[in-house]
Amino acid sequence: MDVLSLIGRDAPLFDEDIAAHEAELSGCVGQGRFLVIGGAGSIGQAVVREIFRRNPAALHVVDLSENNLVELVRDLRSTLGYIEGDFRTFAVDAGSAPFDALMRDVDGYDYVLNLSALKHVRSEKDPYSLMRMVAVNIENTLRTARWARAKGARKYFCVSTDKAAAPANMMGASKRIMELFLMRESESLPISMARFANVAFSDGSLLHGFNQRLLKRQPLSAPNDVRRYFVTDRESGELCLLSCLLGENRDIFFPKLSERLHLTTFSEIAERYLAALGYEAVPCASEDEARASVEALAARGQWPCYFFASDTTGEKDFEEFYTEDEDLDWGRFERLGVIRNPAEYDAGKLDHFLQAVHDLRTAGRWEKADLVALFHQMVPEFAHKETGRYLDNRM
């Protein structure tokens, strides 16, 4: 199945920029030692493949998911084979004691890439998942950045999200807060980041769910009023590598995608997806109707779909990569924009945030409202709107 056609494009995004800088990229990788944290997720695996194919001196991959690490190794061995450098994987959590022990025992790395994140809007439905989001997206980022600095890393890269621009949900706001913390860390360690479009068919995504629904002979369900940008998994890996190796200190890279040409609704992709598989999408009036009609419609070359207007907490009608207040560089690359950031931060607010989170944990009980208020203090433009509905309430 041609993923590009499903997301409304006919050509890869970054071929020109990769070709123009391939000698520099390959030179950096060939002489470099790399640690990829969260390297077995969809974006992480794509980043690891981009590094692996350029034969690094060392490539170590850390991820909590043992199963995904197994698949990563099988995929690399089955496509690219082997490298001369030191390639190893470690099934440990970046916030755990085993990870700390591993980091004490290694010599250090030239480049540390942090792809670990809680990325789903659905994670903001309860205070417990939200506290883990703070730990993974913010505190673990600080911990690993400071470790990278202590070990003499040349560069620290961390993935952000398009949802960090004018955030409307807790996940996006957590990544915006992470960006603010990294402005302070950048005074003692070069740091770059990337804001992403949705990675088409990445694990846990709605599009990945389409594959699961067809496999299990279940209807498709998608909002018809939410527009998103999409990149392929390979493009996500290329974007991270370009930012890590070519980004200047405090740069945030993002793909040059056109609002007019490239913003696509999930329902439109569902219709293209089914057409590519030989099915006609048939809209249903309710989830019950969709569930009940799979077999009858499938026998006629059709597939039931429930398309709906989104009303879940944290959903924006459309995504954006930057705000009008940010300093943008449009000329450095053909298909990449760059947000240039000064080393500006409010140290008092940063310290207050960490202390407040510590106090909530020490108390042993907290409400979602506590964290929402704390996020608002850090990101005054945070446009949080509580609807009382979450993705767990949807098919």
Foldseek 3Di string as FASTA:
>chain_A
DDVQVLQQHDDAQCPVVCVVCVVVLLVDQQEWAEEEEQLLFLLNLLQVLVSVLSAGQHYEYEEQDPVSVVVSVVVCCVPVNDHPHHYYYDNDHLVDPVVVVVLVPDLATQEYEYEWADQDLLLLLWPVSLLVRLCTQAVSLVVVLVSNLVSPHQEYEYEAALCLALHAGSRNLSSVLNLQVVLQSLVRHFYEYEHEWAAALTPPDLNVVLVVCVVVLAAREFAPQAWTAYHYSNSSSVQRSCRGSPNTGSKYKYWDDDPVRRTDGPVSSSQVVLVVVQAGEDEDPDNVVQGVCRVVRVVVRYHYYHYHHDDAWRGDSYTGRHDPPFDWDPPPGDTMIMTDDHSDHDVVLSVVLVVQSVVCVVVVDDTSVSVVVSSCVRPVSHNTDHRVDGPVVDD
